[in-house]
C-alpha atoms as a PDB file:
ATOM      1  CA  MET A   1      98.920 -74.502-100.995  1.00  0.00           C
ATOM      2  CA  ILE A   2      98.256 -71.959-103.743  1.00  0.00           C
ATOM      3  CA  ILE A   3      99.493 -72.905-107.235  1.00  0.00           C
ATOM      4  CA  SER A   4     100.506 -70.052-109.518  1.00  0.00           C
ATOM      5  CA  SER A   5     103.745 -68.775-111.110  1.00  0.00           C
ATOM      6  CA  LYS A   6     105.324 -70.998-113.811  1.00  0.00           C
ATOM      7  CA  LYS A   7     103.456 -74.110-112.686  1.00  0.00           C
ATOM      8  CA  GLY A   8     100.113 -72.391-113.369  1.00  0.00           C
ATOM      9  CA  PHE A   9     101.041 -71.153-116.856  1.00  0.00           C
ATOM     10  CA  VAL A  10      99.952 -73.204-119.874  1.00  0.00           C
ATOM     11  CA  GLU A  11     101.341 -72.005-123.197  1.00  0.00           C
ATOM     12  CA  LYS A  12      99.191 -72.084-126.335  1.00  0.00           C
ATOM     13  CA  GLY A  13      99.245 -75.393-128.151  1.00  0.00           C
ATOM     14  CA  THR A  14      99.999 -77.407-125.018  1.00  0.00           C
ATOM     15  CA  ILE A  15      98.192 -79.663-122.565  1.00  0.00           C
ATOM     16  CA  LYS A  16      99.431 -79.566-118.985  1.00  0.00           C
ATOM     17  CA  THR A  17      98.497 -81.197-115.688  1.00  0.00           C
ATOM     18  CA  ILE A  18      98.840 -78.414-113.138  1.00  0.00           C
ATOM     19  CA  VAL A  19      97.708 -80.229-109.997  1.00  0.00           C
ATOM     20  CA  THR A  20      97.491 -83.880-109.006  1.00  0.00           C
ATOM     21  CA  GLY A  21      94.895 -84.520-106.330  1.00  0.00           C
ATOM     22  CA  LYS A  22      92.057 -82.410-104.950  1.00  0.00           C
ATOM     23  CA  GLY A  23      91.609 -78.674-104.928  1.00  0.00           C
ATOM     24  CA  PHE A  24      89.803 -75.598-106.192  1.00  0.00           C
ATOM     25  CA  ILE A  25      90.271 -73.291-109.176  1.00  0.00           C
ATOM     26  CA  LEU A  26      90.431 -69.732-107.821  1.00  0.00           C
ATOM     27  CA  GLY A  27      91.047 -67.863-111.063  1.00  0.00           C
ATOM     28  CA  LEU A  28      91.981 -67.959-114.745  1.00  0.00           C
ATOM     29  CA  ILE A  29      93.470 -65.493-117.223  1.00  0.00           C
ATOM     30  CA  MET A  30      93.278 -66.438-120.918  1.00  0.00           C
ATOM     31  CA  SER A  31      94.395 -64.610-124.039  1.00  0.00           C
ATOM     32  CA  HIS A  32      95.104 -65.107-127.741  1.00  0.00           C
ATOM     33  CA  GLU A  33      95.952 -63.090-130.835  1.00  0.00           C
ATOM     34  CA  HIS A  34      93.731 -64.809-133.418  1.00  0.00           C
ATOM     35  CA  MET A  35      90.932 -63.290-135.469  1.00  0.00           C
ATOM     36  CA  ARG A  36      88.416 -65.942-134.370  1.00  0.00           C
ATOM     37  CA  THR A  37      87.057 -67.296-131.092  1.00  0.00           C
ATOM     38  CA  ARG A  38      89.272 -69.935-129.448  1.00  0.00           C
ATOM     39  CA  GLU A  39      88.544 -72.588-126.804  1.00  0.00           C
ATOM     40  CA  VAL A  40      90.187 -73.600-123.543  1.00  0.00           C
ATOM     41  CA  ASN A  41      89.190 -76.937-121.986  1.00  0.00           C
ATOM     42  CA  ILE A  42      89.765 -77.734-118.323  1.00  0.00           C
ATOM     43  CA  TYR A  43      89.506 -81.278-116.961  1.00  0.00           C
ATOM     44  CA  ASP A  44      89.242 -82.929-113.553  1.00  0.00           C
ATOM     45  CA  ASN A  45      91.722 -85.645-114.495  1.00  0.00           C
ATOM     46  CA  TYR A  46      95.342 -86.308-115.517  1.00  0.00           C
ATOM     47  CA  VAL A  47      94.334 -86.622-119.180  1.00  0.00           C
ATOM     48  CA  THR A  48      91.989 -84.824-121.562  1.00  0.00           C
ATOM     49  CA  GLY A  49      88.678 -86.172-122.806  1.00  0.00           C
ATOM     50  CA  ILE A  50      87.361 -87.339-119.419  1.00  0.00           C
ATOM     51  CA  ASN A  51      85.626 -85.269-116.698  1.00  0.00           C
ATOM     52  CA  LEU A  52      85.394 -81.928-118.507  1.00  0.00           C
ATOM     53  CA  LEU A  53      84.969 -79.166-115.903  1.00  0.00           C
ATOM     54  CA  MET A  54      84.846 -76.165-118.210  1.00  0.00           C
ATOM     55  CA  LYS A  55      84.837 -75.316-121.895  1.00  0.00           C
ATOM     56  CA  ILE A  56      85.604 -71.609-122.185  1.00  0.00           C
ATOM     57  CA  LYS A  57      85.323 -69.696-125.452  1.00  0.00           C
ATOM     58  CA  VAL A  58      87.639 -66.703-125.701  1.00  0.00           C
ATOM     59  CA  SER A  59      86.603 -64.233-128.376  1.00  0.00           C
ATOM     60  CA  THR A  60      88.992 -61.824-130.046  1.00  0.00           C
ATOM     61  CA  GLY A  61      87.335 -58.674-128.734  1.00  0.00           C
ATOM     62  CA  CYS A  62      87.384 -59.925-125.133  1.00  0.00           C
ATOM     63  CA  SER A  63      90.986 -61.100-124.901  1.00  0.00           C
ATOM     64  CA  PRO A  64      92.411 -61.257-122.258  1.00  0.00           C
ATOM     65  CA  VAL A  65      89.604 -62.878-120.257  1.00  0.00           C
ATOM     66  CA  LYS A  66      89.899 -62.842-116.456  1.00  0.00           C
ATOM     67  CA  LEU A  67      87.728 -65.086-114.307  1.00  0.00           C
ATOM     68  CA  SER A  68      87.801 -65.343-110.529  1.00  0.00           C
ATOM     69  CA  PHE A  69      85.986 -67.823-108.322  1.00  0.00           C
ATOM     70  CA  THR A  70      85.509 -67.096-104.626  1.00  0.00           C
ATOM     71  CA  GLY A  71      83.495 -68.538-101.764  1.00  0.00           C
ATOM     72  CA  ASN A  72      80.869 -70.977-103.014  1.00  0.00           C
ATOM     73  CA  GLU A  73      81.841 -70.226-106.644  1.00  0.00           C
ATOM     74  CA  LYS A  74      85.260 -71.927-106.354  1.00  0.00           C
ATOM     75  CA  VAL A  75      85.467 -74.757-108.893  1.00  0.00           C
ATOM     76  CA  TYR A  76      86.254 -78.104-107.227  1.00  0.00           C
ATOM     77  CA  PHE A  77      88.396 -80.820-108.820  1.00  0.00           C
ATOM     78  CA  GLY A  78      88.895 -84.202-107.166  1.00  0.00           C
ATOM     79  CA  ILE A  79      91.363 -86.120-109.339  1.00  0.00           C
ATOM     80  CA  GLY A  80      93.705 -83.522-110.805  1.00  0.00           C
ATOM     81  CA  LEU A  81      93.628 -80.367-112.885  1.00  0.00           C
ATOM     82  CA  THR A  82      94.584 -80.585-116.565  1.00  0.00           C
ATOM     83  CA  VAL A  83      94.343 -77.695-119.026  1.00  0.00           C
ATOM     84  CA  ASP A  84      94.164 -77.985-122.815  1.00  0.00           C
ATOM     85  CA  ALA A  85      95.110 -74.435-123.795  1.00  0.00           C
ATOM     86  CA  GLY A  86      94.261 -74.785-127.491  1.00  0.00           C
ATOM     87  CA  ASP A  87      95.400 -71.582-129.202  1.00  0.00           C
ATOM     88  CA  CYS A  88      95.349 -69.523-125.990  1.00  0.00           C
ATOM     89  CA  ASP A  89      97.855 -68.727-123.298  1.00  0.00           C
ATOM     90  CA  VAL A  90      96.290 -69.648-119.942  1.00  0.00           C
ATOM     91  CA  PHE A  91      97.294 -68.769-116.394  1.00  0.00           C
ATOM     92  CA  VAL A  92      95.596 -70.758-113.620  1.00  0.00           C
ATOM     93  CA  ILE A  93      95.451 -69.983-109.916  1.00  0.00           C
ATOM     94  CA  ALA A  94      94.447 -73.055-107.941  1.00  0.00           C
ATOM     95  CA  GLU A  95      94.403 -74.149-104.314  1.00  0.00           C
ATOM     96  CA  THR A  96      95.194 -77.727-103.291  1.00  0.00           C
ATOM     97  CA  ILE A  97      93.477 -79.406-100.353  1.00  0.00           C
END
């Protein structure tokens, strides 16, 4: 099943578990309106601080940032998918298996 729409949206300042169980990240869109670089942290877990998959820095001049992962580049998670959006708005497209 593909996860997107409201379930895949993580508003700035929030931490959200998008998927419980195994799957793949297929894509991300991140943006912010600040004058400095901001960070988004993505975890393979139900909580933050354990099993960091990605730490993405989003600079002001590059916002919004769009990343897509296909084929062998898909990012696997085995426990769950939790996003700490920091000061960014984040949209995640994930596939559960």
